[in-house]
PDB file of N, CA and C in Angstrom:
ATOM      1  N   UNK A   1      -7.767 -12.105  13.644  1.00  0.00           N
ATOM      2  CA  UNK A   1      -8.485 -11.363  12.635  1.00  0.00           C
ATOM      3  C   UNK A   1      -7.992 -11.789  11.252  1.00  0.00           C
ATOM      4  N   UNK A   2      -8.874 -11.842  10.290  1.00  0.00           N
ATOM      5  CA  UNK A   2      -8.495 -12.333   8.965  1.00  0.00           C
ATOM      6  C   UNK A   2      -7.571 -11.367   8.214  1.00  0.00           C
ATOM      7  N   UNK A   3      -6.604 -11.963   7.525  1.00  0.00           N
ATOM      8  CA  UNK A   3      -5.676 -11.209   6.681  1.00  0.00           C
ATOM      9  C   UNK A   3      -5.826 -11.723   5.253  1.00  0.00           C
ATOM     10  N   UNK A   4      -5.703 -10.852   4.283  1.00  0.00           N
ATOM     11  CA  UNK A   4      -5.693 -11.256   2.880  1.00  0.00           C
ATOM     12  C   UNK A   4      -4.240 -11.425   2.474  1.00  0.00           C
ATOM     13  N   UNK A   5      -3.794 -12.665   2.261  1.00  0.00           N
ATOM     14  CA  UNK A   5      -2.392 -12.910   1.930  1.00  0.00           C
ATOM     15  C   UNK A   5      -1.993 -12.277   0.603  1.00  0.00           C
ATOM     16  N   UNK A   6      -2.957 -11.923  -0.236  1.00  0.00           N
ATOM     17  CA  UNK A   6      -2.633 -11.246  -1.497  1.00  0.00           C
ATOM     18  C   UNK A   6      -2.034  -9.858  -1.250  1.00  0.00           C
ATOM     19  N   UNK A   7      -2.294  -9.273  -0.080  1.00  0.00           N
ATOM     20  CA  UNK A   7      -1.714  -7.966   0.258  1.00  0.00           C
ATOM     21  C   UNK A   7      -0.313  -8.085   0.840  1.00  0.00           C
ATOM     22  N   UNK A   8       0.027  -9.248   1.387  1.00  0.00           N
ATOM     23  CA  UNK A   8       1.302  -9.422   2.071  1.00  0.00           C
ATOM     24  C   UNK A   8       2.463  -9.141   1.122  1.00  0.00           C
ATOM     25  N   UNK A   9       3.375  -8.298   1.573  1.00  0.00           N
ATOM     26  CA  UNK A   9       4.544  -7.941   0.784  1.00  0.00           C
ATOM     27  C   UNK A   9       4.735  -6.438   0.744  1.00  0.00           C
ATOM     28  N   UNK A  10       5.564  -5.997  -0.216  1.00  0.00           N
ATOM     29  CA  UNK A  10       5.880  -4.571  -0.336  1.00  0.00           C
ATOM     30  C   UNK A  10       5.249  -4.001  -1.591  1.00  0.00           C
ATOM     31  N   UNK A  11       4.760  -2.745  -1.475  1.00  0.00           N
ATOM     32  CA  UNK A  11       4.070  -2.048  -2.550  1.00  0.00           C
ATOM     33  C   UNK A  11       4.626  -0.634  -2.670  1.00  0.00           C
ATOM     34  N   UNK A  12       4.704  -0.105  -3.888  1.00  0.00           N
ATOM     35  CA  UNK A  12       5.301   1.205  -4.137  1.00  0.00           C
ATOM     36  C   UNK A  12       4.423   1.988  -5.114  1.00  0.00           C
ATOM     37  N   UNK A  13       4.099   3.227  -4.771  1.00  0.00           N
ATOM     38  CA  UNK A  13       3.254   4.053  -5.647  1.00  0.00           C
ATOM     39  C   UNK A  13       4.032   4.747  -6.758  1.00  0.00           C
ATOM     40  N   UNK A  14       5.363   4.774  -6.683  1.00  0.00           N
ATOM     41  CA  UNK A  14       6.135   5.599  -7.619  1.00  0.00           C
ATOM     42  C   UNK A  14       5.909   5.275  -9.100  1.00  0.00           C
ATOM     43  N   UNK A  15       5.655   4.030  -9.521  1.00  0.00           N
ATOM     44  CA  UNK A  15       5.390   3.834 -10.956  1.00  0.00           C
ATOM     45  C   UNK A  15       4.130   4.560 -11.434  1.00  0.00           C
ATOM     46  N   UNK A  16       3.222   4.858 -10.536  1.00  0.00           N
ATOM     47  CA  UNK A  16       1.973   5.536 -10.897  1.00  0.00           C
ATOM     48  C   UNK A  16       2.009   7.031 -10.588  1.00  0.00           C
ATOM     49  N   UNK A  17       3.100   7.509 -10.008  1.00  0.00           N
ATOM     50  CA  UNK A  17       3.219   8.906  -9.596  1.00  0.00           C
ATOM     51  C   UNK A  17       4.095   9.707 -10.548  1.00  0.00           C
ATOM     52  N   UNK A  18       3.962   9.478 -11.838  1.00  0.00           N
ATOM     53  CA  UNK A  18       4.793  10.176 -12.811  1.00  0.00           C
ATOM     54  C   UNK A  18       4.615  11.692 -12.683  1.00  0.00           C
ATOM     55  N   UNK A  19       5.730  12.389 -12.518  1.00  0.00           N
ATOM     56  CA  UNK A  19       5.699  13.845 -12.423  1.00  0.00           C
ATOM     57  C   UNK A  19       5.370  14.387 -11.046  1.00  0.00           C
ATOM     58  N   UNK A  20       5.209  13.508 -10.084  1.00  0.00           N
ATOM     59  CA  UNK A  20       4.881  13.921  -8.718  1.00  0.00           C
ATOM     60  C   UNK A  20       6.149  13.832  -7.878  1.00  0.00           C
ATOM     61  N   UNK A  21       6.336  14.781  -6.988  1.00  0.00           N
ATOM     62  CA  UNK A  21       7.559  14.803  -6.179  1.00  0.00           C
ATOM     63  C   UNK A  21       7.372  14.121  -4.829  1.00  0.00           C
ATOM     64  N   UNK A  22       6.438  13.169  -4.793  1.00  0.00           N
ATOM     65  CA  UNK A  22       6.184  12.435  -3.562  1.00  0.00           C
ATOM     66  C   UNK A  22       5.740  11.033  -3.949  1.00  0.00           C
ATOM     67  N   UNK A  23       6.150  10.048  -3.175  1.00  0.00           N
ATOM     68  CA  UNK A  23       5.729   8.667  -3.418  1.00  0.00           C
ATOM     69  C   UNK A  23       5.478   8.001  -2.069  1.00  0.00           C
ATOM     70  N   UNK A  24       4.712   6.941  -2.113  1.00  0.00           N
ATOM     71  CA  UNK A  24       4.386   6.205  -0.893  1.00  0.00           C
ATOM     72  C   UNK A  24       4.760   4.743  -1.063  1.00  0.00           C
ATOM     73  N   UNK A  25       5.095   4.107   0.045  1.00  0.00           N
ATOM     74  CA  UNK A  25       5.361   2.677   0.063  1.00  0.00           C
ATOM     75  C   UNK A  25       4.566   2.055   1.196  1.00  0.00           C
ATOM     76  N   UNK A  26       4.090   0.847   0.960  1.00  0.00           N
ATOM     77  CA  UNK A  26       3.393   0.083   1.987  1.00  0.00           C
ATOM     78  C   UNK A  26       4.079  -1.256   2.150  1.00  0.00           C
ATOM     79  N   UNK A  27       4.105  -1.746   3.368  1.00  0.00           N
ATOM     80  CA  UNK A  27       4.585  -3.092   3.623  1.00  0.00           C
ATOM     81  C   UNK A  27       3.589  -3.765   4.555  1.00  0.00           C
ATOM     82  N   UNK A  28       3.034  -4.883   4.094  1.00  0.00           N
ATOM     83  CA  UNK A  28       2.099  -5.669   4.878  1.00  0.00           C
ATOM     84  C   UNK A  28       2.787  -6.969   5.266  1.00  0.00           C
ATOM     85  N   UNK A  29       3.009  -7.166   6.554  1.00  0.00           N
ATOM     86  CA  UNK A  29       3.615  -8.398   7.036  1.00  0.00           C
ATOM     87  C   UNK A  29       2.532  -9.435   7.291  1.00  0.00           C
ATOM     88  N   UNK A  30       2.902 -10.719   7.230  1.00  0.00           N
ATOM     89  CA  UNK A  30       1.916 -11.778   7.375  1.00  0.00           C
ATOM     90  C   UNK A  30       1.452 -12.002   8.816  1.00  0.00           C
ATOM     91  N   UNK A  31       1.982 -11.207   9.754  1.00  0.00           N
ATOM     92  CA  UNK A  31       1.532 -11.305  11.146  1.00  0.00           C
ATOM     93  C   UNK A  31       0.586 -10.167  11.532  1.00  0.00           C
ATOM     94  N   UNK A  32       0.145  -9.368  10.531  1.00  0.00           N
ATOM     95  CA  UNK A  32      -0.796  -8.293  10.802  1.00  0.00           C
ATOM     96  C   UNK A  32      -0.153  -6.957  11.150  1.00  0.00           C
ATOM     97  N   UNK A  33       1.165  -6.868  11.037  1.00  0.00           N
ATOM     98  CA  UNK A  33       1.852  -5.592  11.226  1.00  0.00           C
ATOM     99  C   UNK A  33       2.206  -5.028   9.858  1.00  0.00           C
ATOM    100  N   UNK A  34       2.563  -3.729   9.830  1.00  0.00           N
ATOM    101  CA  UNK A  34       2.981  -3.125   8.582  1.00  0.00           C
ATOM    102  C   UNK A  34       3.531  -1.739   8.779  1.00  0.00           C
ATOM    103  N   UNK A  35       4.002  -1.157   7.678  1.00  0.00           N
ATOM    104  CA  UNK A  35       4.477   0.219   7.691  1.00  0.00           C
ATOM    105  C   UNK A  35       3.982   0.932   6.443  1.00  0.00           C
ATOM    106  N   UNK A  36       3.759   2.224   6.597  1.00  0.00           N
ATOM    107  CA  UNK A  36       3.432   3.100   5.482  1.00  0.00           C
ATOM    108  C   UNK A  36       4.441   4.226   5.468  1.00  0.00           C
ATOM    109  N   UNK A  37       5.050   4.459   4.329  1.00  0.00           N
ATOM    110  CA  UNK A  37       6.080   5.485   4.196  1.00  0.00           C
ATOM    111  C   UNK A  37       5.682   6.475   3.117  1.00  0.00           C
ATOM    112  N   UNK A  38       5.772   7.755   3.443  1.00  0.00           N
ATOM    113  CA  UNK A  38       5.578   8.809   2.456  1.00  0.00           C
ATOM    114  C   UNK A  38       6.930   9.501   2.315  1.00  0.00           C
ATOM    115  N   UNK A  39       7.462   9.522   1.094  1.00  0.00           N
ATOM    116  CA  UNK A  39       8.783  10.094   0.837  1.00  0.00           C
ATOM    117  C   UNK A  39       8.653  11.274  -0.120  1.00  0.00           C
ATOM    118  N   UNK A  40       9.356  12.364   0.222  1.00  0.00           N
ATOM    119  CA  UNK A  40       9.398  13.528  -0.665  1.00  0.00           C
ATOM    120  C   UNK A  40      10.741  14.223  -0.470  1.00  0.00           C
ATOM    121  N   UNK A  41      10.901  15.400  -1.034  1.00  0.00           N
ATOM    122  CA  UNK A  41      12.177  16.114  -0.970  1.00  0.00           C
ATOM    123  C   UNK A  41      12.595  16.450   0.463  1.00  0.00           C
ATOM    124  N   UNK A  42      11.657  16.495   1.376  1.00  0.00           N
ATOM    125  CA  UNK A  42      11.978  16.825   2.771  1.00  0.00           C
ATOM    126  C   UNK A  42      12.382  15.613   3.592  1.00  0.00           C
ATOM    127  N   UNK A  43      12.195  14.403   3.059  1.00  0.00           N
ATOM    128  CA  UNK A  43      12.566  13.191   3.776  1.00  0.00           C
ATOM    129  C   UNK A  43      11.449  12.166   3.760  1.00  0.00           C
ATOM    130  N   UNK A  44      11.599  11.175   4.626  1.00  0.00           N
ATOM    131  CA  UNK A  44      10.634  10.096   4.726  1.00  0.00           C
ATOM    132  C   UNK A  44       9.857  10.203   6.031  1.00  0.00           C
ATOM    133  N   UNK A  45       8.571   9.896   5.964  1.00  0.00           N
ATOM    134  CA  UNK A  45       7.728   9.819   7.150  1.00  0.00           C
ATOM    135  C   UNK A  45       7.189   8.399   7.219  1.00  0.00           C
ATOM    136  N   UNK A  46       7.618   7.634   8.227  1.00  0.00           N
ATOM    137  CA  UNK A  46       7.247   6.233   8.359  1.00  0.00           C
ATOM    138  C   UNK A  46       6.251   6.079   9.500  1.00  0.00           C
ATOM    139  N   UNK A  47       5.152   5.387   9.227  1.00  0.00           N
ATOM    140  CA  UNK A  47       4.140   5.100  10.240  1.00  0.00           C
ATOM    141  C   UNK A  47       3.971   3.593  10.355  1.00  0.00           C
ATOM    142  N   UNK A  48       4.058   3.091  11.565  1.00  0.00           N
ATOM    143  CA  UNK A  48       3.785   1.679  11.809  1.00  0.00           C
ATOM    144  C   UNK A  48       2.281   1.501  12.001  1.00  0.00           C
ATOM    145  N   UNK A  49       1.780   0.333  11.611  1.00  0.00           N
ATOM    146  CA  UNK A  49       0.358   0.070  11.777  1.00  0.00           C
ATOM    147  C   UNK A  49       0.111  -1.430  11.941  1.00  0.00           C
ATOM    148  N   UNK A  50      -1.082  -1.756  12.384  1.00  0.00           N
ATOM    149  CA  UNK A  50      -1.568  -3.133  12.326  1.00  0.00           C
ATOM    150  C   UNK A  50      -2.700  -3.150  11.305  1.00  0.00           C
ATOM    151  N   UNK A  51      -2.951  -4.315  10.721  1.00  0.00           N
ATOM    152  CA  UNK A  51      -3.944  -4.380   9.664  1.00  0.00           C
ATOM    153  C   UNK A  51      -4.690  -5.705   9.696  1.00  0.00           C
ATOM    154  N   UNK A  52      -5.900  -5.673   9.167  1.00  0.00           N
ATOM    155  CA  UNK A  52      -6.679  -6.884   8.942  1.00  0.00           C
ATOM    156  C   UNK A  52      -7.762  -6.580   7.908  1.00  0.00           C
ATOM    157  N   UNK A  53      -8.404  -7.623   7.450  1.00  0.00           N
ATOM    158  CA  UNK A  53      -9.450  -7.492   6.434  1.00  0.00           C
ATOM    159  C   UNK A  53     -10.752  -8.018   7.025  1.00  0.00           C
ATOM    160  N   UNK A  54     -11.624  -7.125   7.517  1.00  0.00           N
ATOM    161  CA  UNK A  54     -12.862  -7.557   8.164  1.00  0.00           C
ATOM    162  C   UNK A  54     -13.838  -8.242   7.209  1.00  0.00           C
ATOM    163  N   UNK A  55     -13.679  -7.987   5.907  1.00  0.00           N
ATOM    164  CA  UNK A  55     -14.489  -8.639   4.881  1.00  0.00           C
ATOM    165  C   UNK A  55     -13.713  -8.575   3.574  1.00  0.00           C
ATOM    166  N   UNK A  56     -14.044  -9.420   2.597  1.00  0.00           N
ATOM    167  CA  UNK A  56     -13.310  -9.397   1.326  1.00  0.00           C
ATOM    168  C   UNK A  56     -13.322  -8.010   0.687  1.00  0.00           C
ATOM    169  N   UNK A  57     -12.153  -7.569   0.247  1.00  0.00           N
ATOM    170  CA  UNK A  57     -12.032  -6.280  -0.428  1.00  0.00           C
ATOM    171  C   UNK A  57     -12.047  -5.071   0.485  1.00  0.00           C
ATOM    172  N   UNK A  58     -11.996  -5.304   1.800  1.00  0.00           N
ATOM    173  CA  UNK A  58     -11.982  -4.199   2.763  1.00  0.00           C
ATOM    174  C   UNK A  58     -10.762  -4.362   3.665  1.00  0.00           C
ATOM    175  N   UNK A  59      -9.991  -3.289   3.785  1.00  0.00           N
ATOM    176  CA  UNK A  59      -8.788  -3.266   4.616  1.00  0.00           C
ATOM    177  C   UNK A  59      -8.993  -2.284   5.753  1.00  0.00           C
ATOM    178  N   UNK A  60      -8.639  -2.710   6.950  1.00  0.00           N
ATOM    179  CA  UNK A  60      -8.688  -1.812   8.093  1.00  0.00           C
ATOM    180  C   UNK A  60      -7.269  -1.664   8.631  1.00  0.00           C
ATOM    181  N   UNK A  61      -6.802  -0.424   8.724  1.00  0.00           N
ATOM    182  CA  UNK A  61      -5.444  -0.099   9.171  1.00  0.00           C
ATOM    183  C   UNK A  61      -5.544   0.704  10.464  1.00  0.00           C
ATOM    184  N   UNK A  62      -4.853   0.227  11.504  1.00  0.00           N
ATOM    185  CA  UNK A  62      -4.821   0.908  12.809  1.00  0.00           C
ATOM    186  C   UNK A  62      -3.428   1.514  12.971  1.00  0.00           C
ATOM    187  N   UNK A  63      -3.321   2.825  12.821  1.00  0.00           N
ATOM    188  CA  UNK A  63      -2.042   3.528  12.895  1.00  0.00           C
ATOM    189  C   UNK A  63      -1.509   3.527  14.322  1.00  0.00           C
ATOM    190  N   UNK A  64      -0.192   3.595  14.461  1.00  0.00           N
ATOM    191  CA  UNK A  64       0.446   3.562  15.771  1.00  0.00           C
ATOM    192  C   UNK A  64       0.023   4.721  16.663  1.00  0.00           C
ATOM    193  N   UNK A  65      -0.447   5.813  16.095  1.00  0.00           N
ATOM    194  CA  UNK A  65      -0.833   6.975  16.891  1.00  0.00           C
ATOM    195  C   UNK A  65      -2.342   7.031  17.136  1.00  0.00           C
ATOM    196  N   UNK A  66      -3.061   5.921  16.869  1.00  0.00           N
ATOM    197  CA  UNK A  66      -4.452   5.826  17.260  1.00  0.00           C
ATOM    198  C   UNK A  66      -5.499   5.965  16.172  1.00  0.00           C
ATOM    199  N   UNK A  67      -5.130   6.444  15.010  1.00  0.00           N
ATOM    200  CA  UNK A  67      -6.105   6.629  13.927  1.00  0.00           C
ATOM    201  C   UNK A  67      -6.395   5.289  13.247  1.00  0.00           C
ATOM    202  N   UNK A  68      -7.637   5.089  12.862  1.00  0.00           N
ATOM    203  CA  UNK A  68      -8.031   3.888  12.122  1.00  0.00           C
ATOM    204  C   UNK A  68      -8.607   4.306  10.776  1.00  0.00           C
ATOM    205  N   UNK A  69      -8.138   3.635   9.724  1.00  0.00           N
ATOM    206  CA  UNK A  69      -8.660   3.873   8.373  1.00  0.00           C
ATOM    207  C   UNK A  69      -9.286   2.590   7.862  1.00  0.00           C
ATOM    208  N   UNK A  70     -10.381   2.727   7.177  1.00  0.00           N
ATOM    209  CA  UNK A  70     -11.042   1.591   6.536  1.00  0.00           C
ATOM    210  C   UNK A  70     -11.187   1.942   5.064  1.00  0.00           C
ATOM    211  N   UNK A  71     -10.567   1.133   4.193  1.00  0.00           N
ATOM    212  CA  UNK A  71     -10.566   1.407   2.763  1.00  0.00           C
ATOM    213  C   UNK A  71     -10.957   0.150   1.987  1.00  0.00           C
ATOM    214  N   UNK A  72     -11.510   0.361   0.815  1.00  0.00           N
ATOM    215  CA  UNK A  72     -11.779  -0.749  -0.094  1.00  0.00           C
ATOM    216  C   UNK A  72     -10.541  -0.917  -0.977  1.00  0.00           C
ATOM    217  N   UNK A  73     -10.306  -2.142  -1.419  1.00  0.00           N
ATOM    218  CA  UNK A  73      -9.145  -2.372  -2.284  1.00  0.00           C
ATOM    219  C   UNK A  73      -9.447  -3.456  -3.313  1.00  0.00           C
ATOM    220  N   UNK A  74      -8.690  -3.376  -4.417  1.00  0.00           N
ATOM    221  CA  UNK A  74      -8.738  -4.367  -5.484  1.00  0.00           C
ATOM    222  C   UNK A  74      -7.297  -4.657  -5.869  1.00  0.00           C
ATOM    223  N   UNK A  75      -6.975  -5.926  -6.036  1.00  0.00           N
ATOM    224  CA  UNK A  75      -5.651  -6.310  -6.503  1.00  0.00           C
ATOM    225  C   UNK A  75      -5.800  -6.883  -7.906  1.00  0.00           C
ATOM    226  N   UNK A  76      -5.007  -6.344  -8.831  1.00  0.00           N
ATOM    227  CA  UNK A  76      -5.072  -6.808 -10.214  1.00  0.00           C
ATOM    228  C   UNK A  76      -4.109  -6.018 -11.070  1.00  0.00           C
ATOM    229  N   UNK A  77      -4.015  -6.325 -12.343  1.00  0.00           N
ATOM    230  CA  UNK A  77      -3.080  -5.610 -13.212  1.00  0.00           C
ATOM    231  C   UNK A  77      -3.521  -4.165 -13.455  1.00  0.00           C
ATOM    232  N   UNK A  78      -2.527  -3.285 -13.536  1.00  0.00           N
ATOM    233  CA  UNK A  78      -2.756  -1.874 -13.877  1.00  0.00           C
ATOM    234  C   UNK A  78      -1.530  -1.379 -14.627  1.00  0.00           C
ATOM    235  N   UNK A  79      -1.751  -0.511 -15.586  1.00  0.00           N
ATOM    236  CA  UNK A  79      -0.641   0.010 -16.392  1.00  0.00           C
ATOM    237  C   UNK A  79      -0.227   1.389 -15.876  1.00  0.00           C
ATOM    238  N   UNK A  80       1.022   1.518 -15.415  1.00  0.00           N
ATOM    239  CA  UNK A  80       1.514   2.838 -15.019  1.00  0.00           C
ATOM    240  C   UNK A  80       1.607   3.767 -16.234  1.00  0.00           C
ATOM    241  N   UNK A  81       1.574   5.073 -16.012  1.00  0.00           N
ATOM    242  CA  UNK A  81       1.749   6.010 -17.129  1.00  0.00           C
ATOM    243  C   UNK A  81       3.056   5.724 -17.875  1.00  0.00           C
ATOM    244  N   UNK A  82       2.993   5.778 -19.160  1.00  0.00           N
ATOM    245  CA  UNK A  82       4.163   5.594 -20.035  1.00  0.00           C
ATOM    246  C   UNK A  82       4.736   4.186 -20.004  1.00  0.00           C
ATOM    247  N   UNK A  83       4.022   3.223 -19.426  1.00  0.00           N
ATOM    248  CA  UNK A  83       4.481   1.829 -19.433  1.00  0.00           C
ATOM    249  C   UNK A  83       3.810   1.099 -20.590  1.00  0.00           C
ATOM    250  N   UNK A  84       4.469   0.088 -21.098  1.00  0.00           N
ATOM    251  CA  UNK A  84       3.877  -0.689 -22.180  1.00  0.00           C
ATOM    252  C   UNK A  84       3.117  -1.899 -21.657  1.00  0.00           C
ATOM    253  N   UNK A  85       3.474  -2.367 -20.469  1.00  0.00           N
ATOM    254  CA  UNK A  85       2.825  -3.548 -19.905  1.00  0.00           C
ATOM    255  C   UNK A  85       2.255  -3.236 -18.526  1.00  0.00           C
ATOM    256  N   UNK A  86       1.140  -3.882 -18.185  1.00  0.00           N
ATOM    257  CA  UNK A  86       0.597  -3.709 -16.835  1.00  0.00           C
ATOM    258  C   UNK A  86       1.474  -4.411 -15.800  1.00  0.00           C
ATOM    259  N   UNK A  87       1.346  -3.977 -14.563  1.00  0.00           N
ATOM    260  CA  UNK A  87       2.058  -4.582 -13.440  1.00  0.00           C
ATOM    261  C   UNK A  87       1.030  -5.027 -12.408  1.00  0.00           C
ATOM    262  N   UNK A  88       1.439  -5.913 -11.509  1.00  0.00           N
ATOM    263  CA  UNK A  88       0.575  -6.295 -10.394  1.00  0.00           C
ATOM    264  C   UNK A  88       0.393  -5.072  -9.512  1.00  0.00           C
ATOM    265  N   UNK A  89      -0.851  -4.736  -9.195  1.00  0.00           N
ATOM    266  CA  UNK A  89      -1.112  -3.498  -8.472  1.00  0.00           C
ATOM    267  C   UNK A  89      -2.228  -3.683  -7.456  1.00  0.00           C
ATOM    268  N   UNK A  90      -2.205  -2.824  -6.450  1.00  0.00           N
ATOM    269  CA  UNK A  90      -3.288  -2.717  -5.473  1.00  0.00           C
ATOM    270  C   UNK A  90      -3.846  -1.302  -5.579  1.00  0.00           C
ATOM    271  N   UNK A  91      -5.158  -1.199  -5.713  1.00  0.00           N
ATOM    272  CA  UNK A  91      -5.831   0.090  -5.803  1.00  0.00           C
ATOM    273  C   UNK A  91      -6.708   0.271  -4.575  1.00  0.00           C
ATOM    274  N   UNK A  92      -6.553   1.407  -3.891  1.00  0.00           N
ATOM    275  CA  UNK A  92      -7.274   1.682  -2.651  1.00  0.00           C
ATOM    276  C   UNK A  92      -8.238   2.843  -2.846  1.00  0.00           C
ATOM    277  N   UNK A  93      -9.420   2.730  -2.254  1.00  0.00           N
ATOM    278  CA  UNK A  93     -10.412   3.806  -2.312  1.00  0.00           C
ATOM    279  C   UNK A  93     -11.035   3.957  -0.934  1.00  0.00           C
ATOM    280  N   UNK A  94     -10.850   5.066  -0.273  1.00  0.00           N
ATOM    281  CA  UNK A  94     -10.066   6.238  -0.656  1.00  0.00           C
ATOM    282  C   UNK A  94      -8.560   5.926  -0.609  1.00  0.00           C
ATOM    283  N   UNK A  95      -7.720   6.857  -1.067  1.00  0.00           N
ATOM    284  CA  UNK A  95      -6.277   6.631  -1.063  1.00  0.00           C
ATOM    285  C   UNK A  95      -5.758   6.258   0.329  1.00  0.00           C
ATOM    286  N   UNK A  96      -4.693   5.462   0.336  1.00  0.00           N
ATOM    287  CA  UNK A  96      -4.048   5.032   1.573  1.00  0.00           C
ATOM    288  C   UNK A  96      -2.622   5.577   1.583  1.00  0.00           C
ATOM    289  N   UNK A  97      -2.247   6.304   2.594  1.00  0.00           N
ATOM    290  CA  UNK A  97      -0.946   6.977   2.685  1.00  0.00           C
ATOM    291  C   UNK A  97      -0.702   7.843   1.451  1.00  0.00           C
ATOM    292  N   UNK A  98      -1.711   8.608   1.096  1.00  0.00           N
ATOM    293  CA  UNK A  98      -1.663   9.632   0.053  1.00  0.00           C
ATOM    294  C   UNK A  98      -1.539   9.096  -1.367  1.00  0.00           C
ATOM    295  N   UNK A  99      -1.697   7.800  -1.560  1.00  0.00           N
ATOM    296  CA  UNK A  99      -1.660   7.256  -2.926  1.00  0.00           C
ATOM    297  C   UNK A  99      -2.823   6.289  -3.122  1.00  0.00           C
ATOM    298  N   UNK A 100      -3.287   6.228  -4.343  1.00  0.00           N
ATOM    299  CA  UNK A 100      -4.423   5.368  -4.670  1.00  0.00           C
ATOM    300  C   UNK A 100      -3.970   4.026  -5.251  1.00  0.00           C
ATOM    301  N   UNK A 101      -2.924   4.033  -6.095  1.00  0.00           N
ATOM    302  CA  UNK A 101      -2.491   2.810  -6.772  1.00  0.00           C
ATOM    303  C   UNK A 101      -1.023   2.539  -6.446  1.00  0.00           C
ATOM    304  N   UNK A 102      -0.742   1.289  -6.101  1.00  0.00           N
ATOM    305  CA  UNK A 102       0.605   0.845  -5.748  1.00  0.00           C
ATOM    306  C   UNK A 102       0.990  -0.357  -6.606  1.00  0.00           C
ATOM    307  N   UNK A 103       2.240  -0.397  -7.050  1.00  0.00           N
ATOM    308  CA  UNK A 103       2.772  -1.558  -7.759  1.00  0.00           C
ATOM    309  C   UNK A 103       3.416  -2.507  -6.751  1.00  0.00           C
ATOM    310  N   UNK A 104       3.263  -3.798  -7.000  1.00  0.00           N
ATOM    311  CA  UNK A 104       3.901  -4.785  -6.113  1.00  0.00           C
ATOM    312  C   UNK A 104       5.413  -4.758  -6.324  1.00  0.00           C
ATOM    313  N   UNK A 105       6.145  -4.657  -5.212  1.00  0.00           N
ATOM    314  CA  UNK A 105       7.605  -4.701  -5.250  1.00  0.00           C
ATOM    315  C   UNK A 105       8.061  -6.121  -4.961  1.00  0.00           C
ATOM    316  N   UNK A 106       7.471  -6.747  -3.945  1.00  0.00           N
ATOM    317  CA  UNK A 106       7.773  -8.138  -3.619  1.00  0.00           C
ATOM    318  C   UNK A 106       6.585  -8.750  -2.890  1.00  0.00           C
ATOM    319  N   UNK A 107       6.420 -10.052  -3.069  1.00  0.00           N
ATOM    320  CA  UNK A 107       5.308 -10.737  -2.416  1.00  0.00           C
ATOM    321  C   UNK A 107       5.616 -11.041  -0.954  1.00  0.00           C
ATOM    322  N   UNK A 108       6.877 -11.219  -0.642  1.00  0.00           N
ATOM    323  CA  UNK A 108       7.284 -11.527   0.720  1.00  0.00           C
ATOM    324  C   UNK A 108       8.257 -10.461   1.177  1.00  0.00           C
ATOM    325  N   UNK A 109       8.072  -9.990   2.370  1.00  0.00           N
ATOM    326  CA  UNK A 109       8.963  -8.968   2.902  1.00  0.00           C
ATOM    327  C   UNK A 109      10.364  -9.534   3.074  1.00  0.00           C
ATOM    328  N   UNK A 110      11.374  -8.715   2.806  1.00  0.00           N
ATOM    329  CA  UNK A 110      12.756  -9.143   3.017  1.00  0.00           C
ATOM    330  C   UNK A 110      13.272  -8.688   4.370  1.00  0.00           C
ATOM    331  N   UNK A 111      12.367  -8.260   5.234  1.00  0.00           N
ATOM    332  CA  UNK A 111      12.775  -7.805   6.569  1.00  0.00           C
ATOM    333  C   UNK A 111      12.602  -8.887   7.578  1.00  0.00           C
TER     334      UNK A 111
END
């Protein structure tokens, strides 16, 4: 199944979650596996998933517990609140793992 290599790597919603007590992280591996983490004061909730892109700008995520999500996405610069410069970002519609916009942390996973 096709993968968009522009998604491969780690992404973090916290630069866009100013004033929110919860943040999400995504990791897309180049073999079609990944993880989604939602972190808040109560701890972290990590979900493993597989992913592919059935068409340009569309991401399909198959969660380890059987749920499938299909979202549209755009990768490009976005300015976090209170930032002076834009960062590389992925925007998902509808939100993915409770966040809509994620900043790129790294292009290649360090795992």
